[in-house]
Amino acid sequence: MAARTSRKGKPMVPPHPPRKPRRTLEEEFFCDRRDLSLKMHQCLTDYVNANALQARTSPCFKCERGLGHRVDFAKGRI
């Protein structure tokens, strides 16, 4: 099936590119530091608690992945 074209023969561009599905707080992922499957909301909670309380023994303390999730949440991507 050929792409639709305008009258002058140029291909028509869709008005909006397809969007990626938004991530949710219930989404699960595998945490390498804790070696288990976590939901996004649990990761955010543990990361914030470990860094706010300076819990240096926690695997979530200064976690780069947790920081990324926190930034995405703050920017409204989650």
C-alpha atoms as a PDB file:
ATOM      1  CA  MET A   1       0.000   0.000   0.000  1.00  0.00           C
ATOM      2  CA  ALA A   2       1.487   3.319  -1.042  1.00  0.00           C
ATOM      3  CA  ALA A   3       1.675   6.345   1.229  1.00  0.00           C
ATOM      4  CA  ARG A   4      -0.901   9.041   0.698  1.00  0.00           C
ATOM      5  CA  THR A   5       0.341  12.073  -1.162  1.00  0.00           C
ATOM      6  CA  SER A   6      -0.841  15.641  -1.461  1.00  0.00           C
ATOM      7  CA  ARG A   7      -1.820  17.182  -4.787  1.00  0.00           C
ATOM      8  CA  LYS A   8       1.748  18.230  -5.542  1.00  0.00           C
ATOM      9  CA  GLY A   9       3.098  14.698  -5.005  1.00  0.00           C
ATOM     10  CA  LYS A  10       4.740  15.308  -1.613  1.00  0.00           C
ATOM     11  CA  PRO A  11       4.157  12.676   1.069  1.00  0.00           C
ATOM     12  CA  MET A  12       1.727  13.760   3.775  1.00  0.00           C
ATOM     13  CA  VAL A  13       3.184  13.976   7.278  1.00  0.00           C
ATOM     14  CA  PRO A  14       0.974  12.882  10.176  1.00  0.00           C
ATOM     15  CA  PRO A  15       0.007  15.843  12.399  1.00  0.00           C
ATOM     16  CA  HIS A  16       1.566  14.320  15.548  1.00  0.00           C
ATOM     17  CA  PRO A  17       4.237  11.660  15.914  1.00  0.00           C
ATOM     18  CA  PRO A  18       3.128   8.530  17.767  1.00  0.00           C
ATOM     19  CA  ARG A  19       3.563   8.868  21.522  1.00  0.00           C
ATOM     20  CA  LYS A  20       5.301   6.423  23.793  1.00  0.00           C
ATOM     21  CA  PRO A  21       2.994   4.975  26.416  1.00  0.00           C
ATOM     22  CA  ARG A  22       3.401   6.778  29.738  1.00  0.00           C
ATOM     23  CA  ARG A  23       5.053   4.922  32.550  1.00  0.00           C
ATOM     24  CA  THR A  24       3.030   4.350  35.682  1.00  0.00           C
ATOM     25  CA  LEU A  25       3.833   3.998  39.363  1.00  0.00           C
ATOM     26  CA  GLU A  26       2.628   0.385  39.175  1.00  0.00           C
ATOM     27  CA  GLU A  27       5.181  -0.541  36.492  1.00  0.00           C
ATOM     28  CA  GLU A  28       7.637  -3.230  37.584  1.00  0.00           C
ATOM     29  CA  PHE A  29      11.338  -3.406  36.781  1.00  0.00           C
ATOM     30  CA  PHE A  30      14.323  -5.412  37.993  1.00  0.00           C
ATOM     31  CA  CYS A  31      16.523  -3.547  40.470  1.00  0.00           C
ATOM     32  CA  ASP A  32      20.171  -4.597  40.143  1.00  0.00           C
ATOM     33  CA  ARG A  33      21.225  -3.116  43.473  1.00  0.00           C
ATOM     34  CA  ARG A  34      18.554  -4.924  45.492  1.00  0.00           C
ATOM     35  CA  ASP A  35      18.481  -7.970  43.190  1.00  0.00           C
ATOM     36  CA  LEU A  36      14.679  -8.136  43.046  1.00  0.00           C
ATOM     37  CA  SER A  37      11.696  -6.951  41.063  1.00  0.00           C
ATOM     38  CA  LEU A  38      10.262  -3.643  42.314  1.00  0.00           C
ATOM     39  CA  LYS A  39       7.345  -1.431  41.435  1.00  0.00           C
ATOM     40  CA  MET A  40       8.158   2.152  40.529  1.00  0.00           C
ATOM     41  CA  HIS A  41       6.417   3.633  43.588  1.00  0.00           C
ATOM     42  CA  GLN A  42       8.447   1.411  45.945  1.00  0.00           C
ATOM     43  CA  CYS A  43      11.686   2.448  44.252  1.00  0.00           C
ATOM     44  CA  LEU A  44      10.804   6.131  44.593  1.00  0.00           C
ATOM     45  CA  THR A  45       9.828   5.743  48.243  1.00  0.00           C
ATOM     46  CA  ASP A  46      12.980   3.824  49.171  1.00  0.00           C
ATOM     47  CA  TYR A  47      15.250   6.187  47.218  1.00  0.00           C
ATOM     48  CA  VAL A  48      13.783   9.332  48.797  1.00  0.00           C
ATOM     49  CA  ASN A  49      13.874   7.854  52.303  1.00  0.00           C
ATOM     50  CA  ALA A  50      17.472   6.619  51.981  1.00  0.00           C
ATOM     51  CA  ASN A  51      18.755   9.956  50.719  1.00  0.00           C
ATOM     52  CA  ALA A  52      16.681  12.181  53.011  1.00  0.00           C
ATOM     53  CA  LEU A  53      17.758  10.216  56.081  1.00  0.00           C
ATOM     54  CA  GLN A  54      21.362   9.774  54.869  1.00  0.00           C
ATOM     55  CA  ALA A  55      21.039   5.975  55.208  1.00  0.00           C
ATOM     56  CA  ARG A  56      24.443   5.126  53.755  1.00  0.00           C
ATOM     57  CA  THR A  57      23.973   1.387  54.360  1.00  0.00           C
ATOM     58  CA  SER A  58      20.869   1.265  52.152  1.00  0.00           C
ATOM     59  CA  PRO A  59      21.371   0.004  48.583  1.00  0.00           C
ATOM     60  CA  CYS A  60      19.097   2.874  47.473  1.00  0.00           C
ATOM     61  CA  PHE A  61      21.485   5.563  48.795  1.00  0.00           C
ATOM     62  CA  LYS A  62      22.849   7.570  45.831  1.00  0.00           C
ATOM     63  CA  CYS A  63      21.333   5.091  43.327  1.00  0.00           C
ATOM     64  CA  GLU A  64      21.553   6.482  39.785  1.00  0.00           C
ATOM     65  CA  ARG A  65      18.491   4.594  38.594  1.00  0.00           C
ATOM     66  CA  GLY A  66      16.442   5.809  41.570  1.00  0.00           C
ATOM     67  CA  LEU A  67      17.565   9.353  40.854  1.00  0.00           C
ATOM     68  CA  GLY A  68      16.451   8.968  37.234  1.00  0.00           C
ATOM     69  CA  HIS A  69      13.034   7.729  38.328  1.00  0.00           C
ATOM     70  CA  ARG A  70      12.756  10.631  40.791  1.00  0.00           C
ATOM     71  CA  VAL A  71      13.600  13.203  38.095  1.00  0.00           C
ATOM     72  CA  ASP A  72      11.114  11.639  35.660  1.00  0.00           C
ATOM     73  CA  PHE A  73       8.432  11.743  38.350  1.00  0.00           C
ATOM     74  CA  ALA A  74       9.187  15.405  39.115  1.00  0.00           C
ATOM     75  CA  LYS A  75       8.944  16.307  35.406  1.00  0.00           C
ATOM     76  CA  GLY A  76       5.585  14.546  35.073  1.00  0.00           C
ATOM     77  CA  ARG A  77       6.808  11.703  32.874  1.00  0.00           C
ATOM     78  CA  ILE A  78       5.496   9.092  35.308  1.00  0.00           C
END
